[in-house]
Amino acid sequence: MTSPDECTEDDCERPGAVVLHIPWGENRIVCTAHARVLARQDGVVADPLENLDEDWQ
């Protein structure tokens, strides 16, 4: 997993703020914008990273 400083999605420069728990793949750290979209898939659970209130945009 990458550091919480970066979103794992291609070409995204936003900070990571959410861990996505994906049953069919590896867990990923993503920004809030990507989390809003990706967490809508069945079985995906989104957990906010602790102490990152400033990254919730």
N, C-alpha and C. Protein backbone atom coordinates (compact mmCIF):
# COMPACT_ATOMS: atom_id res chain seq x y z
N MET A 1 0.86 -1.18 0.00
CA MET A 1 0.00 0.00 0.00
C MET A 1 0.90 1.23 0.00
N THR A 2 0.48 2.27 -0.72
CA THR A 2 1.27 3.50 -0.75
C THR A 2 1.09 4.26 0.56
N SER A 3 1.89 5.29 0.72
CA SER A 3 1.77 6.10 1.93
C SER A 3 0.47 6.89 1.87
N PRO A 4 -0.05 7.30 3.03
CA PRO A 4 -1.30 8.06 3.04
C PRO A 4 -1.18 9.44 2.41
N ASP A 5 0.03 9.76 1.96
CA ASP A 5 0.24 11.07 1.36
C ASP A 5 -0.30 11.16 -0.06
N GLU A 6 -0.61 10.03 -0.67
CA GLU A 6 -1.01 10.06 -2.07
C GLU A 6 -2.14 9.08 -2.37
N CYS A 7 -2.96 9.48 -3.32
CA CYS A 7 -4.04 8.64 -3.82
C CYS A 7 -3.43 7.62 -4.78
N THR A 8 -3.91 6.39 -4.74
CA THR A 8 -3.36 5.33 -5.59
C THR A 8 -3.93 5.33 -7.00
N GLU A 9 -4.93 6.14 -7.27
CA GLU A 9 -5.51 6.17 -8.61
C GLU A 9 -4.58 6.89 -9.58
N ASP A 10 -4.56 6.39 -10.81
CA ASP A 10 -3.68 6.96 -11.84
C ASP A 10 -3.97 8.44 -12.06
N ASP A 11 -2.91 9.21 -12.22
CA ASP A 11 -2.97 10.64 -12.52
C ASP A 11 -3.70 11.49 -11.48
N CYS A 12 -3.80 11.00 -10.27
CA CYS A 12 -4.43 11.77 -9.19
C CYS A 12 -3.35 12.30 -8.27
N GLU A 13 -3.40 13.58 -7.99
CA GLU A 13 -2.40 14.22 -7.13
C GLU A 13 -2.97 14.61 -5.77
N ARG A 14 -4.22 14.23 -5.51
CA ARG A 14 -4.83 14.55 -4.23
C ARG A 14 -4.27 13.66 -3.13
N PRO A 15 -4.33 14.12 -1.89
CA PRO A 15 -3.83 13.30 -0.78
C PRO A 15 -4.76 12.13 -0.48
N GLY A 16 -4.19 11.03 -0.05
CA GLY A 16 -5.00 9.89 0.36
C GLY A 16 -5.70 10.19 1.67
N ALA A 17 -6.96 9.79 1.79
CA ALA A 17 -7.73 10.07 2.99
C ALA A 17 -8.60 8.90 3.42
N VAL A 18 -8.74 7.88 2.55
CA VAL A 18 -9.66 6.77 2.81
C VAL A 18 -8.99 5.46 2.41
N VAL A 19 -9.15 4.43 3.24
CA VAL A 19 -8.72 3.09 2.86
C VAL A 19 -9.94 2.37 2.32
N LEU A 20 -9.83 1.85 1.10
CA LEU A 20 -10.90 1.03 0.54
C LEU A 20 -10.56 -0.43 0.76
N HIS A 21 -11.44 -1.14 1.42
CA HIS A 21 -11.29 -2.58 1.63
C HIS A 21 -12.05 -3.27 0.51
N ILE A 22 -11.31 -3.90 -0.40
CA ILE A 22 -11.89 -4.47 -1.61
C ILE A 22 -11.78 -5.99 -1.53
N PRO A 23 -12.91 -6.70 -1.48
CA PRO A 23 -12.87 -8.15 -1.28
C PRO A 23 -12.18 -8.91 -2.41
N TRP A 24 -12.21 -8.42 -3.62
CA TRP A 24 -11.63 -9.14 -4.76
C TRP A 24 -10.23 -8.65 -5.13
N GLY A 25 -9.67 -7.74 -4.34
CA GLY A 25 -8.34 -7.21 -4.63
C GLY A 25 -7.68 -6.68 -3.36
N GLU A 26 -6.57 -6.00 -3.56
CA GLU A 26 -5.85 -5.43 -2.42
C GLU A 26 -6.52 -4.16 -1.93
N ASN A 27 -6.38 -3.88 -0.65
CA ASN A 27 -6.87 -2.63 -0.09
C ASN A 27 -6.08 -1.48 -0.71
N ARG A 28 -6.74 -0.33 -0.87
CA ARG A 28 -6.10 0.83 -1.50
C ARG A 28 -6.39 2.08 -0.69
N ILE A 29 -5.44 3.00 -0.72
CA ILE A 29 -5.65 4.33 -0.14
C ILE A 29 -5.98 5.27 -1.29
N VAL A 30 -7.09 5.98 -1.14
CA VAL A 30 -7.53 6.91 -2.19
C VAL A 30 -7.95 8.23 -1.57
N CYS A 31 -8.09 9.24 -2.42
CA CYS A 31 -8.59 10.54 -1.97
C CYS A 31 -10.10 10.45 -1.76
N THR A 32 -10.67 11.47 -1.18
CA THR A 32 -12.11 11.46 -0.92
C THR A 32 -12.93 11.43 -2.20
N ALA A 33 -12.46 12.09 -3.24
CA ALA A 33 -13.22 12.11 -4.50
C ALA A 33 -13.31 10.71 -5.09
N HIS A 34 -12.21 10.00 -5.14
CA HIS A 34 -12.25 8.63 -5.67
C HIS A 34 -13.01 7.70 -4.73
N ALA A 35 -12.91 7.91 -3.43
CA ALA A 35 -13.63 7.07 -2.47
C ALA A 35 -15.13 7.17 -2.67
N ARG A 36 -15.62 8.37 -2.96
CA ARG A 36 -17.06 8.55 -3.16
C ARG A 36 -17.58 7.68 -4.31
N VAL A 37 -16.78 7.54 -5.33
CA VAL A 37 -17.19 6.76 -6.51
C VAL A 37 -16.94 5.27 -6.30
N LEU A 38 -15.74 4.92 -5.88
CA LEU A 38 -15.35 3.52 -5.79
C LEU A 38 -16.07 2.77 -4.67
N ALA A 39 -16.44 3.46 -3.60
CA ALA A 39 -17.11 2.80 -2.48
C ALA A 39 -18.55 2.42 -2.79
N ARG A 40 -19.06 2.81 -3.93
CA ARG A 40 -20.43 2.46 -4.32
C ARG A 40 -20.53 1.03 -4.86
N GLN A 41 -19.38 0.40 -5.12
CA GLN A 41 -19.40 -0.96 -5.63
C GLN A 41 -19.77 -1.92 -4.50
N ASP A 42 -20.54 -2.95 -4.83
CA ASP A 42 -20.96 -3.93 -3.83
C ASP A 42 -19.75 -4.57 -3.17
N GLY A 43 -19.75 -4.63 -1.86
CA GLY A 43 -18.71 -5.30 -1.10
C GLY A 43 -17.55 -4.41 -0.69
N VAL A 44 -17.43 -3.22 -1.27
CA VAL A 44 -16.32 -2.33 -0.93
C VAL A 44 -16.68 -1.55 0.32
N VAL A 45 -15.76 -1.50 1.26
CA VAL A 45 -15.95 -0.76 2.50
C VAL A 45 -14.92 0.35 2.56
N ALA A 46 -15.36 1.56 2.84
CA ALA A 46 -14.47 2.72 2.93
C ALA A 46 -14.29 3.11 4.39
N ASP A 47 -13.03 3.17 4.82
CA ASP A 47 -12.69 3.60 6.17
C ASP A 47 -11.82 4.84 6.10
N PRO A 48 -12.26 5.96 6.67
CA PRO A 48 -11.41 7.16 6.69
C PRO A 48 -10.14 6.91 7.49
N LEU A 49 -9.04 7.44 7.02
CA LEU A 49 -7.79 7.38 7.77
C LEU A 49 -7.90 8.31 8.97
N GLU A 50 -7.31 7.93 10.07
CA GLU A 50 -7.38 8.75 11.29
C GLU A 50 -6.53 10.00 11.15
N ASN A 51 -6.95 11.06 11.81
CA ASN A 51 -6.20 12.32 11.92
C ASN A 51 -6.00 13.03 10.60
N LEU A 52 -6.91 12.85 9.66
CA LEU A 52 -6.78 13.51 8.37
C LEU A 52 -7.98 14.38 8.06
N ASP A 53 -8.50 15.06 9.06
CA ASP A 53 -9.68 15.90 8.88
C ASP A 53 -9.50 16.93 7.79
N GLU A 54 -8.30 17.47 7.61
CA GLU A 54 -8.07 18.51 6.61
C GLU A 54 -8.18 17.97 5.19
N ASP A 55 -8.11 16.65 5.00
CA ASP A 55 -8.17 16.07 3.66
C ASP A 55 -9.59 15.77 3.21
N TRP A 56 -10.57 15.97 4.07
CA TRP A 56 -11.96 15.72 3.68
C TRP A 56 -12.49 16.93 2.93
N GLN A 57 -12.37 16.86 1.61
CA GLN A 57 -12.79 17.98 0.74
C GLN A 57 -13.90 17.54 -0.17
